[in-house]
Amino acid sequence: VTENFGWQWGVIVLAFCHFLISLPLNLTIPRLEPKTVDQHSPKTPTGNRRRIRIDLLILIFAVMFALEGFMVASVNTILPFLLTELGASVGVALFAAAILGPSQVLARVLLVALGKIMTPMRVAALAMLSHPAGVVLVLLFGVDALVPFVILQGIAVGLDPFIRGTLPLLFFGPEQFGERQGYIMMFSKIVVAFSPLLLTVIVLRNPVAGILTTMTMGLSAFLLLMGLAALRSRRTKTS
């Protein structure tokens, strides 16, 4: 469609696919009826469930995932445009962007293959440092490093869902996991929503400044991760 009628019609067709296919499919999903609970049952909650306190640790997690989310989501959304602004031809940009998906799968396969070696902290470090490493390659070797840059970006994207689940579980445990995740991820979702627009504005002014910005986000998230590691080590020694 894009080749024959232009990108505008491609976007329109995609929108109609969402309305005509995705929306009806979602509407056909059966809704679960709420279960009635016997008020006299001994298993009924007392209503005195402990509320989650928003402490420094939760705030660190929220900021860390917001920074990491900006790095992942903004680059993913505008990747072909970013690559062309960095000097790649349209063909090279599309080829490199096509590698992103397989790179995500590769990261998850390695995660399973390496097993116990890949602890949640190590996986998080790899996810947060992969993109900055790719930026360094681009700064050193220019257009020739764009394919490795995309592969490293794909690794970061592939590991992102894993660390967002396992790191809070590692530090807080399973109790009230869903509620705590809501508090932690709320700030990240807001940042991620605006990240493509913000990165596009920066790239239009200076593409190198754009990737330096995302690299800074990744490195800042990694520094917060190291702070969490030190805090966890201190807690382990005192307990």
C-alpha atoms as a PDB file:
ATOM      1  CA  VAL A   1       0.000   0.000   0.000  1.00  0.00           C
ATOM      2  CA  THR A   2       2.789   2.399   0.944  1.00  0.00           C
ATOM      3  CA  GLU A   3       4.696   1.687  -2.267  1.00  0.00           C
ATOM      4  CA  ASN A   4       1.686   2.259  -4.525  1.00  0.00           C
ATOM      5  CA  PHE A   5      -0.374   4.903  -2.723  1.00  0.00           C
ATOM      6  CA  GLY A   6       1.954   6.588  -0.209  1.00  0.00           C
ATOM      7  CA  TRP A   7       2.521   6.333   3.518  1.00  0.00           C
ATOM      8  CA  GLN A   8      -0.659   8.279   4.347  1.00  0.00           C
ATOM      9  CA  TRP A   9      -2.828   5.527   2.887  1.00  0.00           C
ATOM     10  CA  GLY A  10      -0.698   2.955   4.680  1.00  0.00           C
ATOM     11  CA  VAL A  11      -1.546   4.593   7.993  1.00  0.00           C
ATOM     12  CA  ILE A  12      -5.239   4.794   7.056  1.00  0.00           C
ATOM     13  CA  VAL A  13      -5.338   1.083   6.161  1.00  0.00           C
ATOM     14  CA  LEU A  14      -3.635   0.227   9.449  1.00  0.00           C
ATOM     15  CA  ALA A  15      -6.192   2.300  11.364  1.00  0.00           C
ATOM     16  CA  PHE A  16      -9.075   0.550   9.587  1.00  0.00           C
ATOM     17  CA  CYS A  17      -7.519  -2.837  10.439  1.00  0.00           C
ATOM     18  CA  HIS A  18      -7.590  -1.864  14.096  1.00  0.00           C
ATOM     19  CA  PHE A  19     -11.228  -0.748  13.889  1.00  0.00           C
ATOM     20  CA  LEU A  20     -12.512  -3.596  11.699  1.00  0.00           C
ATOM     21  CA  ILE A  21     -10.431  -6.523  13.024  1.00  0.00           C
ATOM     22  CA  SER A  22      -8.810  -5.781  16.382  1.00  0.00           C
ATOM     23  CA  LEU A  23     -11.744  -3.956  17.988  1.00  0.00           C
ATOM     24  CA  PRO A  24     -14.353  -6.640  17.131  1.00  0.00           C
ATOM     25  CA  LEU A  25     -12.004  -9.347  18.402  1.00  0.00           C
ATOM     26  CA  ASN A  26     -11.601  -7.514  21.707  1.00  0.00           C
ATOM     27  CA  LEU A  27     -15.358  -7.039  22.013  1.00  0.00           C
ATOM     28  CA  THR A  28     -15.956 -10.778  21.550  1.00  0.00           C
ATOM     29  CA  ILE A  29     -13.825 -11.681  24.576  1.00  0.00           C
ATOM     30  CA  PRO A  30     -16.258 -13.014  27.221  1.00  0.00           C
ATOM     31  CA  ARG A  31     -16.429 -11.046  30.431  1.00  0.00           C
ATOM     32  CA  LEU A  32     -16.004 -12.856  33.726  1.00  0.00           C
ATOM     33  CA  GLU A  33     -18.855 -12.535  36.154  1.00  0.00           C
ATOM     34  CA  PRO A  34     -17.785 -11.339  39.630  1.00  0.00           C
ATOM     35  CA  LYS A  35     -17.764 -14.164  42.150  1.00  0.00           C
ATOM     36  CA  THR A  36     -19.962 -13.884  45.217  1.00  0.00           C
ATOM     37  CA  VAL A  37     -18.052 -14.412  48.452  1.00  0.00           C
ATOM     38  CA  ASP A  38     -19.685 -15.793  51.568  1.00  0.00           C
ATOM     39  CA  GLN A  39     -19.399 -13.045  54.168  1.00  0.00           C
ATOM     40  CA  HIS A  40     -19.268 -15.647  56.947  1.00  0.00           C
ATOM     41  CA  SER A  41     -16.531 -17.705  55.328  1.00  0.00           C
ATOM     42  CA  PRO A  42     -13.278 -17.846  57.328  1.00  0.00           C
ATOM     43  CA  LYS A  43     -11.363 -17.204  54.097  1.00  0.00           C
ATOM     44  CA  THR A  44     -13.057 -13.855  53.533  1.00  0.00           C
ATOM     45  CA  PRO A  45     -10.541 -10.948  53.723  1.00  0.00           C
ATOM     46  CA  THR A  46     -10.918  -8.864  56.850  1.00  0.00           C
ATOM     47  CA  GLY A  47     -10.669  -5.591  54.976  1.00  0.00           C
ATOM     48  CA  ASN A  48      -7.561  -4.630  56.947  1.00  0.00           C
ATOM     49  CA  ARG A  49      -5.192  -5.311  54.065  1.00  0.00           C
ATOM     50  CA  ARG A  50      -1.976  -3.388  54.505  1.00  0.00           C
ATOM     51  CA  ARG A  51      -1.672  -0.502  52.061  1.00  0.00           C
ATOM     52  CA  ILE A  52       1.518  -0.083  50.087  1.00  0.00           C
ATOM     53  CA  ARG A  53       3.640   2.793  51.335  1.00  0.00           C
ATOM     54  CA  ILE A  54       5.334   4.853  48.630  1.00  0.00           C
ATOM     55  CA  ASP A  55       8.897   4.847  49.936  1.00  0.00           C
ATOM     56  CA  LEU A  56      12.286   5.746  48.441  1.00  0.00           C
ATOM     57  CA  LEU A  57      12.779   2.266  46.994  1.00  0.00           C
ATOM     58  CA  ILE A  58       9.550   2.404  44.996  1.00  0.00           C
ATOM     59  CA  LEU A  59      10.442   5.899  43.754  1.00  0.00           C
ATOM     60  CA  ILE A  60      13.866   4.665  42.601  1.00  0.00           C
ATOM     61  CA  PHE A  61      12.217   1.820  40.707  1.00  0.00           C
ATOM     62  CA  ALA A  62       9.720   4.226  39.129  1.00  0.00           C
ATOM     63  CA  VAL A  63      12.420   6.620  37.904  1.00  0.00           C
ATOM     64  CA  MET A  64      14.697   3.793  36.745  1.00  0.00           C
ATOM     65  CA  PHE A  65      11.995   2.141  34.641  1.00  0.00           C
ATOM     66  CA  ALA A  66      10.914   5.533  33.275  1.00  0.00           C
ATOM     67  CA  LEU A  67      14.458   6.232  32.059  1.00  0.00           C
ATOM     68  CA  GLU A  68      14.836   2.741  30.619  1.00  0.00           C
ATOM     69  CA  GLY A  69      11.381   2.949  29.059  1.00  0.00           C
ATOM     70  CA  PHE A  70      12.228   6.244  27.347  1.00  0.00           C
ATOM     71  CA  MET A  71      15.355   4.669  25.869  1.00  0.00           C
ATOM     72  CA  VAL A  72      13.514   1.596  24.575  1.00  0.00           C
ATOM     73  CA  ALA A  73      10.191   3.042  23.417  1.00  0.00           C
ATOM     74  CA  SER A  74      11.375   6.258  21.796  1.00  0.00           C
ATOM     75  CA  VAL A  75      14.027   4.589  19.639  1.00  0.00           C
ATOM     76  CA  ASN A  76      11.705   1.720  18.698  1.00  0.00           C
ATOM     77  CA  THR A  77       8.952   4.040  17.524  1.00  0.00           C
ATOM     78  CA  ILE A  78      11.044   6.243  15.241  1.00  0.00           C
ATOM     79  CA  LEU A  79      13.814   3.770  14.348  1.00  0.00           C
ATOM     80  CA  PRO A  80      13.764   3.993  10.506  1.00  0.00           C
ATOM     81  CA  PHE A  81      13.531   7.799  10.679  1.00  0.00           C
ATOM     82  CA  LEU A  82      16.359   7.914  13.240  1.00  0.00           C
ATOM     83  CA  LEU A  83      18.607   5.732  11.086  1.00  0.00           C
ATOM     84  CA  THR A  84      18.087   7.882   7.985  1.00  0.00           C
ATOM     85  CA  GLU A  85      18.805  11.022  10.000  1.00  0.00           C
ATOM     86  CA  LEU A  86      22.055   9.402  11.147  1.00  0.00           C
ATOM     87  CA  GLY A  87      23.106   8.995   7.513  1.00  0.00           C
ATOM     88  CA  ALA A  88      21.721   5.637   6.389  1.00  0.00           C
ATOM     89  CA  SER A  89      20.040   5.222   3.025  1.00  0.00           C
ATOM     90  CA  VAL A  90      16.370   4.241   3.015  1.00  0.00           C
ATOM     91  CA  GLY A  91      17.265   0.669   2.043  1.00  0.00           C
ATOM     92  CA  VAL A  92      19.844   0.307   4.808  1.00  0.00           C
ATOM     93  CA  ALA A  93      17.481   1.870   7.335  1.00  0.00           C
ATOM     94  CA  LEU A  94      14.655  -0.534   6.457  1.00  0.00           C
ATOM     95  CA  PHE A  95      17.015  -3.523   6.495  1.00  0.00           C
ATOM     96  CA  ALA A  96      18.439  -2.531   9.870  1.00  0.00           C
ATOM     97  CA  ALA A  97      14.972  -1.906  11.307  1.00  0.00           C
ATOM     98  CA  ALA A  98      13.888  -5.364  10.128  1.00  0.00           C
ATOM     99  CA  ILE A  99      16.627  -6.894  12.295  1.00  0.00           C
ATOM    100  CA  LEU A 100      15.089  -5.436  15.452  1.00  0.00           C
ATOM    101  CA  GLY A 101      12.500  -8.205  15.883  1.00  0.00           C
ATOM    102  CA  PRO A 102      14.902 -11.151  15.470  1.00  0.00           C
ATOM    103  CA  SER A 103      17.308  -9.441  17.881  1.00  0.00           C
ATOM    104  CA  GLN A 104      14.587  -9.386  20.535  1.00  0.00           C
ATOM    105  CA  VAL A 105      13.963 -13.096  20.024  1.00  0.00           C
ATOM    106  CA  LEU A 106      17.704 -13.796  20.164  1.00  0.00           C
ATOM    107  CA  ALA A 107      17.957 -12.009  23.515  1.00  0.00           C
ATOM    108  CA  ARG A 108      15.168 -14.126  24.988  1.00  0.00           C
ATOM    109  CA  VAL A 109      16.631 -17.359  23.604  1.00  0.00           C
ATOM    110  CA  LEU A 110      19.997 -16.539  25.184  1.00  0.00           C
ATOM    111  CA  LEU A 111      18.197 -15.732  28.422  1.00  0.00           C
ATOM    112  CA  VAL A 112      16.741 -19.238  28.511  1.00  0.00           C
ATOM    113  CA  ALA A 113      19.914 -20.926  27.243  1.00  0.00           C
ATOM    114  CA  LEU A 114      22.217 -19.345  29.820  1.00  0.00           C
ATOM    115  CA  GLY A 115      19.838 -20.193  32.644  1.00  0.00           C
ATOM    116  CA  LYS A 116      21.080 -19.496  36.150  1.00  0.00           C
ATOM    117  CA  ILE A 117      23.988 -17.367  34.939  1.00  0.00           C
ATOM    118  CA  MET A 118      21.545 -14.653  33.902  1.00  0.00           C
ATOM    119  CA  THR A 119      20.293 -13.427  37.267  1.00  0.00           C
ATOM    120  CA  PRO A 120      17.692 -10.629  37.269  1.00  0.00           C
ATOM    121  CA  MET A 121      20.349  -8.050  38.163  1.00  0.00           C
ATOM    122  CA  ARG A 122      22.664  -9.164  35.358  1.00  0.00           C
ATOM    123  CA  VAL A 123      19.843  -9.213  32.842  1.00  0.00           C
ATOM    124  CA  ALA A 124      18.823  -5.705  33.893  1.00  0.00           C
ATOM    125  CA  ALA A 125      22.398  -4.464  33.531  1.00  0.00           C
ATOM    126  CA  LEU A 126      22.621  -5.985  30.050  1.00  0.00           C
ATOM    127  CA  ALA A 127      19.291  -4.448  29.037  1.00  0.00           C
ATOM    128  CA  MET A 128      20.296  -0.983  30.213  1.00  0.00           C
ATOM    129  CA  LEU A 129      23.810  -1.037  28.739  1.00  0.00           C
ATOM    130  CA  SER A 130      23.068  -2.599  25.333  1.00  0.00           C
ATOM    131  CA  HIS A 131      21.683   0.581  23.771  1.00  0.00           C
ATOM    132  CA  PRO A 132      24.457   2.862  25.138  1.00  0.00           C
ATOM    133  CA  ALA A 133      27.014   0.390  23.747  1.00  0.00           C
ATOM    134  CA  GLY A 134      25.338   0.677  20.348  1.00  0.00           C
ATOM    135  CA  VAL A 135      25.453   4.473  20.531  1.00  0.00           C
ATOM    136  CA  VAL A 136      29.183   4.342  21.279  1.00  0.00           C
ATOM    137  CA  LEU A 137      29.681   2.177  18.169  1.00  0.00           C
ATOM    138  CA  VAL A 138      27.774   4.689  16.031  1.00  0.00           C
ATOM    139  CA  LEU A 139      29.824   7.578  17.417  1.00  0.00           C
ATOM    140  CA  LEU A 140      33.050   5.704  16.639  1.00  0.00           C
ATOM    141  CA  PHE A 141      32.248   4.112  13.268  1.00  0.00           C
ATOM    142  CA  GLY A 142      29.323   6.101  11.903  1.00  0.00           C
ATOM    143  CA  VAL A 143      26.887   4.546   9.429  1.00  0.00           C
ATOM    144  CA  ASP A 144      28.841   1.270   9.331  1.00  0.00           C
ATOM    145  CA  ALA A 145      27.777   0.578  12.923  1.00  0.00           C
ATOM    146  CA  LEU A 146      24.037   1.087  12.439  1.00  0.00           C
ATOM    147  CA  VAL A 147      23.256  -2.631  12.092  1.00  0.00           C
ATOM    148  CA  PRO A 148      25.109  -3.550  15.332  1.00  0.00           C
ATOM    149  CA  PHE A 149      23.367  -0.561  16.922  1.00  0.00           C
ATOM    150  CA  VAL A 150      19.954  -1.985  16.002  1.00  0.00           C
ATOM    151  CA  ILE A 151      20.922  -5.471  17.210  1.00  0.00           C
ATOM    152  CA  LEU A 152      21.948  -4.074  20.594  1.00  0.00           C
ATOM    153  CA  GLN A 153      18.730  -2.041  20.709  1.00  0.00           C
ATOM    154  CA  GLY A 154      16.808  -5.243  19.994  1.00  0.00           C
ATOM    155  CA  ILE A 155      18.534  -6.959  22.913  1.00  0.00           C
ATOM    156  CA  ALA A 156      17.454  -4.132  25.212  1.00  0.00           C
ATOM    157  CA  VAL A 157      13.871  -4.354  23.932  1.00  0.00           C
ATOM    158  CA  GLY A 158      13.774  -8.132  24.255  1.00  0.00           C
ATOM    159  CA  LEU A 159      14.901  -8.097  27.877  1.00  0.00           C
ATOM    160  CA  ASP A 160      12.696  -5.173  28.909  1.00  0.00           C
ATOM    161  CA  PRO A 161       9.550  -7.178  29.859  1.00  0.00           C
ATOM    162  CA  PHE A 162      11.656  -9.633  31.860  1.00  0.00           C
ATOM    163  CA  ILE A 163      13.334  -7.045  34.067  1.00  0.00           C
ATOM    164  CA  ARG A 164      10.100  -5.130  34.677  1.00  0.00           C
ATOM    165  CA  GLY A 165       8.644  -8.237  36.275  1.00  0.00           C
ATOM    166  CA  THR A 166      11.588  -9.919  37.963  1.00  0.00           C
ATOM    167  CA  LEU A 167      13.334  -6.933  39.564  1.00  0.00           C
ATOM    168  CA  PRO A 168      10.347  -5.793  41.669  1.00  0.00           C
ATOM    169  CA  LEU A 169       9.712  -9.439  42.556  1.00  0.00           C
ATOM    170  CA  LEU A 170      13.326  -9.797  43.673  1.00  0.00           C
ATOM    171  CA  PHE A 171      13.235  -6.738  45.929  1.00  0.00           C
ATOM    172  CA  PHE A 172       9.669  -6.778  47.232  1.00  0.00           C
ATOM    173  CA  GLY A 173       8.487 -10.367  46.942  1.00  0.00           C
ATOM    174  CA  PRO A 174       5.119 -11.593  45.625  1.00  0.00           C
ATOM    175  CA  GLU A 175       2.902  -9.915  48.247  1.00  0.00           C
ATOM    176  CA  GLN A 176       0.658  -7.250  46.662  1.00  0.00           C
ATOM    177  CA  PHE A 177       2.738  -7.544  43.506  1.00  0.00           C
ATOM    178  CA  GLY A 178       0.106  -6.200  41.111  1.00  0.00           C
ATOM    179  CA  GLU A 179      -0.748  -3.138  43.179  1.00  0.00           C
ATOM    180  CA  ARG A 180       2.904  -2.260  43.688  1.00  0.00           C
ATOM    181  CA  GLN A 181       3.594  -2.674  39.972  1.00  0.00           C
ATOM    182  CA  GLY A 182       0.859  -0.159  39.272  1.00  0.00           C
ATOM    183  CA  TYR A 183       2.578   2.452  41.420  1.00  0.00           C
ATOM    184  CA  ILE A 184       6.011   1.671  39.966  1.00  0.00           C
ATOM    185  CA  MET A 185       4.954   1.639  36.304  1.00  0.00           C
ATOM    186  CA  MET A 186       2.602   4.628  36.365  1.00  0.00           C
ATOM    187  CA  PHE A 187       5.377   7.211  35.886  1.00  0.00           C
ATOM    188  CA  SER A 188       7.064   5.027  33.269  1.00  0.00           C
ATOM    189  CA  LYS A 189       3.883   4.800  31.186  1.00  0.00           C
ATOM    190  CA  ILE A 190       3.525   8.585  31.156  1.00  0.00           C
ATOM    191  CA  VAL A 191       7.158   9.092  30.116  1.00  0.00           C
ATOM    192  CA  VAL A 192       6.944   6.380  27.449  1.00  0.00           C
ATOM    193  CA  ALA A 193       3.833   7.992  25.946  1.00  0.00           C
ATOM    194  CA  PHE A 194       5.665  11.267  25.300  1.00  0.00           C
ATOM    195  CA  SER A 195       9.117   9.815  24.527  1.00  0.00           C
ATOM    196  CA  PRO A 196       8.746   9.347  20.724  1.00  0.00           C
ATOM    197  CA  LEU A 197       7.601  12.949  20.279  1.00  0.00           C
ATOM    198  CA  LEU A 198      10.403  14.318  22.442  1.00  0.00           C
ATOM    199  CA  LEU A 199      13.069  12.246  20.702  1.00  0.00           C
ATOM    200  CA  THR A 200      11.745  13.230  17.271  1.00  0.00           C
ATOM    201  CA  VAL A 201      12.046  16.920  18.147  1.00  0.00           C
ATOM    202  CA  ILE A 202      15.635  16.399  19.325  1.00  0.00           C
ATOM    203  CA  VAL A 203      16.611  14.314  16.279  1.00  0.00           C
ATOM    204  CA  LEU A 204      15.200  16.923  13.881  1.00  0.00           C
ATOM    205  CA  ARG A 205      17.527  19.477  15.434  1.00  0.00           C
ATOM    206  CA  ASN A 206      20.541  17.187  15.850  1.00  0.00           C
ATOM    207  CA  PRO A 207      20.497  13.385  15.310  1.00  0.00           C
ATOM    208  CA  VAL A 208      23.660  12.834  17.359  1.00  0.00           C
ATOM    209  CA  ALA A 209      22.128  14.747  20.254  1.00  0.00           C
ATOM    210  CA  GLY A 210      19.157  12.390  19.984  1.00  0.00           C
ATOM    211  CA  ILE A 211      21.161   9.209  20.471  1.00  0.00           C
ATOM    212  CA  LEU A 212      23.278  10.885  23.152  1.00  0.00           C
ATOM    213  CA  THR A 213      20.034  11.641  24.982  1.00  0.00           C
ATOM    214  CA  THR A 214      18.865   8.030  24.854  1.00  0.00           C
ATOM    215  CA  MET A 215      22.337   6.835  25.863  1.00  0.00           C
ATOM    216  CA  THR A 216      22.186   9.144  28.882  1.00  0.00           C
ATOM    217  CA  MET A 217      18.802   7.660  29.813  1.00  0.00           C
ATOM    218  CA  GLY A 218      20.214   4.144  29.691  1.00  0.00           C
ATOM    219  CA  LEU A 219      23.325   4.997  31.696  1.00  0.00           C
ATOM    220  CA  SER A 220      21.266   6.859  34.301  1.00  0.00           C
ATOM    221  CA  ALA A 221      18.983   3.841  34.676  1.00  0.00           C
ATOM    222  CA  PHE A 222      22.068   1.639  35.091  1.00  0.00           C
ATOM    223  CA  LEU A 223      23.432   3.892  37.848  1.00  0.00           C
ATOM    224  CA  LEU A 224      20.128   3.595  39.696  1.00  0.00           C
ATOM    225  CA  LEU A 225      20.330  -0.183  39.236  1.00  0.00           C
ATOM    226  CA  MET A 226      23.774  -0.172  40.838  1.00  0.00           C
ATOM    227  CA  GLY A 227      22.333   1.807  43.732  1.00  0.00           C
ATOM    228  CA  LEU A 228      19.622  -0.824  44.138  1.00  0.00           C
ATOM    229  CA  ALA A 229      22.271  -3.567  44.055  1.00  0.00           C
ATOM    230  CA  ALA A 230      24.250  -1.846  46.817  1.00  0.00           C
ATOM    231  CA  LEU A 231      21.085  -1.413  48.868  1.00  0.00           C
ATOM    232  CA  ARG A 232      20.167  -5.072  48.452  1.00  0.00           C
ATOM    233  CA  SER A 233      23.684  -6.163  49.420  1.00  0.00           C
ATOM    234  CA  ARG A 234      23.511  -4.039  52.566  1.00  0.00           C
ATOM    235  CA  ARG A 235      20.123  -5.510  53.471  1.00  0.00           C
ATOM    236  CA  THR A 236      21.447  -9.035  52.965  1.00  0.00           C
ATOM    237  CA  LYS A 237      24.382  -8.409  55.307  1.00  0.00           C
ATOM    238  CA  THR A 238      22.234  -6.918  58.064  1.00  0.00           C
ATOM    239  CA  SER A 239      19.559  -9.613  57.904  1.00  0.00           C
END
